Amino acid sequence: MFDSLSPEWATCKLAAIRRAILTGQMQTYEQCLDVGGQTVYEEVRIAAISSDEAMVWVRDITERKEVENQMQQALDESLGLNAICTIWRRAIGGGVPRATVTHCKSHVSG
């Protein structure tokens, strides 16, 4: 692990593995990495499988984070609710809404 990650990330991951083993509770965190000049967001889940072993799942959440960032930017620029919903619908493949959106509610869970 220390060969492929920076010392800071390896130390963080090792601490989470230890917490998972000691507490028996799944540990979850997100990390942002630079891979070949591109920003990649990952969700990491760690679960103990014995008293000295843990399983680590890593899921690419870059697309979700990009959508969240676009939505936040739309809010910050006061584009309004309709623009936010349009960005969301395009991101999830729904295309552009045919009617004006009067209410849009979404829950993003990590």
N, C-alpha and C. Protein backbone atom coordinates (compact mmCIF):
# COMPACT_ATOMS: atom_id res chain seq x y z
N MET A 1 0.83 -1.19 0.00
CA MET A 1 0.00 0.00 0.00
C MET A 1 0.87 1.25 0.00
N PHE A 2 1.97 1.24 0.75
CA PHE A 2 2.81 2.42 0.84
C PHE A 2 3.57 2.67 -0.46
N ASP A 3 3.67 1.67 -1.35
CA ASP A 3 4.35 1.84 -2.62
C ASP A 3 3.51 2.60 -3.63
N SER A 4 2.18 2.41 -3.59
CA SER A 4 1.32 2.99 -4.61
C SER A 4 0.63 4.28 -4.18
N LEU A 5 0.65 4.61 -2.90
CA LEU A 5 0.00 5.82 -2.40
C LEU A 5 1.01 6.74 -1.75
N SER A 6 0.65 8.01 -1.68
CA SER A 6 1.49 8.95 -0.95
C SER A 6 1.49 8.53 0.53
N PRO A 7 2.54 8.90 1.28
CA PRO A 7 2.57 8.53 2.70
C PRO A 7 1.34 8.99 3.47
N GLU A 8 0.81 10.19 3.14
CA GLU A 8 -0.37 10.71 3.83
C GLU A 8 -1.58 9.82 3.58
N TRP A 9 -1.81 9.45 2.29
CA TRP A 9 -2.96 8.63 1.95
C TRP A 9 -2.81 7.22 2.52
N ALA A 10 -1.62 6.68 2.45
CA ALA A 10 -1.40 5.33 2.98
C ALA A 10 -1.65 5.30 4.48
N THR A 11 -1.18 6.33 5.19
CA THR A 11 -1.39 6.40 6.64
C THR A 11 -2.88 6.52 6.96
N CYS A 12 -3.60 7.33 6.19
CA CYS A 12 -5.04 7.50 6.38
C CYS A 12 -5.77 6.17 6.15
N LYS A 13 -5.43 5.49 5.05
CA LYS A 13 -6.09 4.22 4.74
C LYS A 13 -5.79 3.17 5.80
N LEU A 14 -4.53 3.12 6.25
CA LEU A 14 -4.15 2.15 7.28
C LEU A 14 -4.89 2.43 8.59
N ALA A 15 -5.06 3.70 8.95
CA ALA A 15 -5.80 4.06 10.16
C ALA A 15 -7.26 3.62 10.05
N ALA A 16 -7.85 3.79 8.87
CA ALA A 16 -9.24 3.37 8.67
C ALA A 16 -9.37 1.85 8.74
N ILE A 17 -8.39 1.14 8.22
CA ILE A 17 -8.39 -0.33 8.31
C ILE A 17 -8.32 -0.75 9.77
N ARG A 18 -7.45 -0.12 10.52
CA ARG A 18 -7.33 -0.44 11.95
C ARG A 18 -8.64 -0.17 12.69
N ARG A 19 -9.29 0.99 12.39
CA ARG A 19 -10.57 1.32 13.03
C ARG A 19 -11.63 0.28 12.71
N ALA A 20 -11.66 -0.16 11.45
CA ALA A 20 -12.65 -1.16 11.04
C ALA A 20 -12.45 -2.46 11.82
N ILE A 21 -11.20 -2.87 11.96
CA ILE A 21 -10.90 -4.12 12.67
C ILE A 21 -11.19 -3.97 14.17
N LEU A 22 -10.79 -2.85 14.75
CA LEU A 22 -10.98 -2.66 16.19
C LEU A 22 -12.43 -2.47 16.59
N THR A 23 -13.19 -1.76 15.77
CA THR A 23 -14.59 -1.44 16.14
C THR A 23 -15.59 -2.42 15.54
N GLY A 24 -15.20 -3.12 14.48
CA GLY A 24 -16.15 -3.98 13.79
C GLY A 24 -17.15 -3.22 12.95
N GLN A 25 -16.94 -1.90 12.82
CA GLN A 25 -17.86 -1.06 12.03
C GLN A 25 -17.21 -0.68 10.71
N MET A 26 -18.05 -0.66 9.65
CA MET A 26 -17.55 -0.27 8.34
C MET A 26 -17.08 1.18 8.38
N GLN A 27 -15.96 1.42 7.77
CA GLN A 27 -15.41 2.76 7.67
C GLN A 27 -15.61 3.23 6.23
N THR A 28 -16.07 4.46 6.07
CA THR A 28 -16.32 5.01 4.74
C THR A 28 -15.73 6.41 4.67
N TYR A 29 -15.03 6.69 3.58
CA TYR A 29 -14.54 8.04 3.36
C TYR A 29 -14.38 8.27 1.86
N GLU A 30 -14.25 9.53 1.48
CA GLU A 30 -14.03 9.88 0.09
C GLU A 30 -12.64 10.46 -0.05
N GLN A 31 -12.06 10.20 -1.23
CA GLN A 31 -10.74 10.75 -1.49
C GLN A 31 -10.70 11.32 -2.90
N CYS A 32 -9.85 12.30 -3.10
CA CYS A 32 -9.69 12.96 -4.38
C CYS A 32 -8.24 12.76 -4.80
N LEU A 33 -8.03 12.18 -5.98
CA LEU A 33 -6.69 11.87 -6.44
C LEU A 33 -6.44 12.50 -7.80
N ASP A 34 -5.18 12.74 -8.10
CA ASP A 34 -4.77 13.18 -9.42
C ASP A 34 -4.22 11.95 -10.13
N VAL A 35 -4.88 11.55 -11.20
CA VAL A 35 -4.45 10.38 -11.97
C VAL A 35 -4.18 10.84 -13.40
N GLY A 36 -2.92 10.92 -13.74
CA GLY A 36 -2.55 11.33 -15.09
C GLY A 36 -3.04 12.71 -15.46
N GLY A 37 -3.04 13.62 -14.48
CA GLY A 37 -3.48 14.99 -14.73
C GLY A 37 -4.99 15.19 -14.64
N GLN A 38 -5.73 14.14 -14.34
CA GLN A 38 -7.18 14.24 -14.19
C GLN A 38 -7.57 14.01 -12.73
N THR A 39 -8.54 14.76 -12.27
CA THR A 39 -9.04 14.60 -10.91
C THR A 39 -10.01 13.43 -10.87
N VAL A 40 -9.76 12.50 -9.96
CA VAL A 40 -10.60 11.32 -9.78
C VAL A 40 -11.08 11.31 -8.33
N TYR A 41 -12.39 11.17 -8.16
CA TYR A 41 -12.98 11.08 -6.82
C TYR A 41 -13.34 9.62 -6.57
N GLU A 42 -13.03 9.15 -5.37
CA GLU A 42 -13.33 7.77 -5.01
C GLU A 42 -14.00 7.70 -3.64
N GLU A 43 -14.90 6.75 -3.51
CA GLU A 43 -15.46 6.42 -2.22
C GLU A 43 -14.80 5.13 -1.77
N VAL A 44 -14.32 5.11 -0.54
CA VAL A 44 -13.63 3.94 0.00
C VAL A 44 -14.43 3.40 1.17
N ARG A 45 -14.70 2.11 1.14
CA ARG A 45 -15.39 1.43 2.25
C ARG A 45 -14.50 0.30 2.72
N ILE A 46 -14.37 0.20 4.03
CA ILE A 46 -13.50 -0.81 4.63
C ILE A 46 -14.28 -1.56 5.70
N ALA A 47 -14.25 -2.90 5.61
CA ALA A 47 -14.94 -3.73 6.59
C ALA A 47 -13.99 -4.82 7.07
N ALA A 48 -14.02 -5.07 8.38
CA ALA A 48 -13.22 -6.15 8.95
C ALA A 48 -13.81 -7.48 8.52
N ILE A 49 -12.94 -8.42 8.14
CA ILE A 49 -13.41 -9.76 7.81
C ILE A 49 -12.85 -10.80 8.79
N SER A 50 -11.91 -10.36 9.63
CA SER A 50 -11.39 -11.21 10.71
C SER A 50 -10.70 -10.28 11.71
N SER A 51 -10.05 -10.85 12.71
CA SER A 51 -9.39 -10.03 13.72
C SER A 51 -8.10 -9.39 13.21
N ASP A 52 -7.65 -9.78 12.02
CA ASP A 52 -6.44 -9.17 11.47
C ASP A 52 -6.50 -8.93 9.97
N GLU A 53 -7.73 -8.95 9.40
CA GLU A 53 -7.89 -8.71 7.97
C GLU A 53 -9.10 -7.81 7.73
N ALA A 54 -9.00 -7.03 6.64
CA ALA A 54 -10.12 -6.18 6.24
C ALA A 54 -10.26 -6.23 4.73
N MET A 55 -11.49 -5.99 4.28
CA MET A 55 -11.75 -5.90 2.85
C MET A 55 -11.97 -4.43 2.52
N VAL A 56 -11.39 -3.99 1.41
CA VAL A 56 -11.49 -2.60 0.99
C VAL A 56 -12.18 -2.54 -0.37
N TRP A 57 -13.26 -1.74 -0.47
CA TRP A 57 -13.94 -1.49 -1.72
C TRP A 57 -13.65 -0.04 -2.11
N VAL A 58 -13.31 0.16 -3.36
CA VAL A 58 -13.07 1.51 -3.88
C VAL A 58 -13.97 1.70 -5.08
N ARG A 59 -14.78 2.77 -5.04
CA ARG A 59 -15.74 3.03 -6.11
C ARG A 59 -15.47 4.41 -6.69
N ASP A 60 -15.41 4.50 -8.01
CA ASP A 60 -15.21 5.78 -8.70
C ASP A 60 -16.50 6.58 -8.63
N ILE A 61 -16.45 7.75 -7.98
CA ILE A 61 -17.63 8.61 -7.86
C ILE A 61 -17.40 9.95 -8.55
N THR A 62 -16.46 9.95 -9.51
CA THR A 62 -16.10 11.19 -10.20
C THR A 62 -17.31 11.84 -10.86
N GLU A 63 -18.10 11.06 -11.58
CA GLU A 63 -19.26 11.63 -12.28
C GLU A 63 -20.23 12.27 -11.30
N ARG A 64 -20.51 11.58 -10.19
CA ARG A 64 -21.42 12.14 -9.19
C ARG A 64 -20.87 13.45 -8.63
N LYS A 65 -19.57 13.48 -8.30
CA LYS A 65 -18.98 14.68 -7.73
C LYS A 65 -19.00 15.83 -8.73
N GLU A 66 -18.78 15.52 -10.01
CA GLU A 66 -18.83 16.57 -11.03
C GLU A 66 -20.23 17.16 -11.13
N VAL A 67 -21.26 16.31 -11.06
CA VAL A 67 -22.64 16.79 -11.08
C VAL A 67 -22.91 17.65 -9.85
N GLU A 68 -22.47 17.18 -8.68
CA GLU A 68 -22.65 17.96 -7.46
C GLU A 68 -21.96 19.32 -7.58
N ASN A 69 -20.76 19.34 -8.14
CA ASN A 69 -20.03 20.61 -8.31
C ASN A 69 -20.75 21.53 -9.28
N GLN A 70 -21.30 20.97 -10.36
CA GLN A 70 -22.06 21.78 -11.30
C GLN A 70 -23.31 22.37 -10.64
N MET A 71 -23.97 21.56 -9.84
CA MET A 71 -25.17 22.04 -9.15
C MET A 71 -24.81 23.15 -8.16
N GLN A 72 -23.73 22.98 -7.43
CA GLN A 72 -23.31 24.00 -6.49
C GLN A 72 -22.93 25.28 -7.22
N GLN A 73 -22.24 25.14 -8.35
CA GLN A 73 -21.87 26.31 -9.13
C GLN A 73 -23.11 27.04 -9.62
N ALA A 74 -24.11 26.29 -10.05
CA ALA A 74 -25.36 26.91 -10.50
C ALA A 74 -26.02 27.67 -9.36
N LEU A 75 -26.00 27.09 -8.17
CA LEU A 75 -26.55 27.79 -7.01
C LEU A 75 -25.77 29.06 -6.72
N ASP A 76 -24.44 28.93 -6.72
CA ASP A 76 -23.58 30.07 -6.42
C ASP A 76 -23.77 31.20 -7.41
N GLU A 77 -24.03 30.87 -8.64
CA GLU A 77 -24.20 31.89 -9.68
C GLU A 77 -25.66 32.34 -9.80
N SER A 78 -26.49 31.88 -8.89
CA SER A 78 -27.90 32.26 -8.87
C SER A 78 -28.61 31.99 -10.20
N LEU A 79 -28.31 30.84 -10.79
CA LEU A 79 -28.96 30.49 -12.04
C LEU A 79 -30.40 30.05 -11.83
N GLY A 80 -30.74 29.69 -10.62
CA GLY A 80 -32.11 29.31 -10.32
C GLY A 80 -32.34 27.81 -10.38
N LEU A 81 -33.47 27.42 -9.87
CA LEU A 81 -33.85 26.02 -9.75
C LEU A 81 -33.97 25.33 -11.10
N ASN A 82 -34.49 25.99 -12.09
CA ASN A 82 -34.68 25.37 -13.40
C ASN A 82 -33.34 24.95 -14.01
N ALA A 83 -32.32 25.79 -13.89
CA ALA A 83 -31.00 25.47 -14.44
C ALA A 83 -30.38 24.30 -13.70
N ILE A 84 -30.55 24.24 -12.39
CA ILE A 84 -30.00 23.14 -11.59
C ILE A 84 -30.64 21.82 -12.01
N CYS A 85 -31.96 21.80 -12.17
CA CYS A 85 -32.64 20.58 -12.56
C CYS A 85 -32.25 20.15 -13.97
N THR A 86 -32.02 21.11 -14.87
CA THR A 86 -31.59 20.79 -16.23
C THR A 86 -30.22 20.12 -16.20
N ILE A 87 -29.30 20.64 -15.41
CA ILE A 87 -27.97 20.04 -15.28
C ILE A 87 -28.11 18.62 -14.74
N TRP A 88 -28.92 18.45 -13.72
CA TRP A 88 -29.12 17.14 -13.10
C TRP A 88 -29.71 16.15 -14.12
N ARG A 89 -30.74 16.56 -14.82
CA ARG A 89 -31.39 15.66 -15.79
C ARG A 89 -30.45 15.28 -16.93
N ARG A 90 -29.67 16.22 -17.41
CA ARG A 90 -28.70 15.90 -18.46
C ARG A 90 -27.67 14.91 -17.95
N ALA A 91 -27.23 15.09 -16.72
CA ALA A 91 -26.20 14.22 -16.14
C ALA A 91 -26.70 12.79 -15.96
N ILE A 92 -27.97 12.63 -15.65
CA ILE A 92 -28.50 11.27 -15.44
C ILE A 92 -29.16 10.71 -16.69
N GLY A 93 -29.00 11.41 -17.81
CA GLY A 93 -29.46 10.87 -19.07
C GLY A 93 -30.91 11.16 -19.41
N GLY A 94 -31.51 12.08 -18.70
CA GLY A 94 -32.92 12.37 -18.96
C GLY A 94 -33.15 13.41 -20.03
N GLY A 95 -32.09 13.98 -20.55
CA GLY A 95 -32.25 15.01 -21.56
C GLY A 95 -32.76 16.30 -20.96
N VAL A 96 -33.10 17.21 -21.81
CA VAL A 96 -33.62 18.51 -21.37
C VAL A 96 -35.11 18.37 -21.11
N PRO A 97 -35.58 18.86 -19.96
CA PRO A 97 -37.01 18.75 -19.69
C PRO A 97 -37.85 19.48 -20.73
N ARG A 98 -38.99 18.93 -21.08
CA ARG A 98 -39.86 19.55 -22.09
C ARG A 98 -40.70 20.66 -21.51
N ALA A 99 -40.95 20.60 -20.22
CA ALA A 99 -41.76 21.62 -19.57
C ALA A 99 -40.89 22.36 -18.56
N THR A 100 -41.36 23.52 -18.17
CA THR A 100 -40.64 24.28 -17.15
C THR A 100 -40.75 23.55 -15.82
N VAL A 101 -39.63 23.42 -15.17
CA VAL A 101 -39.62 22.76 -13.88
C VAL A 101 -40.00 23.78 -12.81
N THR A 102 -40.98 23.42 -12.02
CA THR A 102 -41.38 24.32 -10.95
C THR A 102 -40.89 23.84 -9.59
N HIS A 103 -40.50 22.55 -9.52
CA HIS A 103 -40.00 22.01 -8.27
C HIS A 103 -39.10 20.83 -8.58
N CYS A 104 -37.95 20.82 -7.99
CA CYS A 104 -37.01 19.72 -8.21
C CYS A 104 -36.37 19.38 -6.88
N LYS A 105 -36.46 18.13 -6.49
CA LYS A 105 -35.90 17.71 -5.22
C LYS A 105 -35.09 16.46 -5.46
N SER A 106 -33.82 16.49 -5.10
CA SER A 106 -33.02 15.29 -5.26
C SER A 106 -32.22 15.05 -3.99
N HIS A 107 -31.96 13.80 -3.73
CA HIS A 107 -31.16 13.41 -2.58
C HIS A 107 -29.98 12.64 -3.10
N VAL A 108 -28.78 13.13 -2.84
CA VAL A 108 -27.58 12.44 -3.24
C VAL A 108 -27.03 11.79 -1.99
N SER A 109 -26.94 10.46 -2.00
CA SER A 109 -26.39 9.76 -0.84
C SER A 109 -25.02 9.23 -1.16
N GLY A 110 -24.20 9.23 -0.22
CA GLY A 110 -22.85 8.76 -0.43
C GLY A 110 -22.66 7.50 0.22
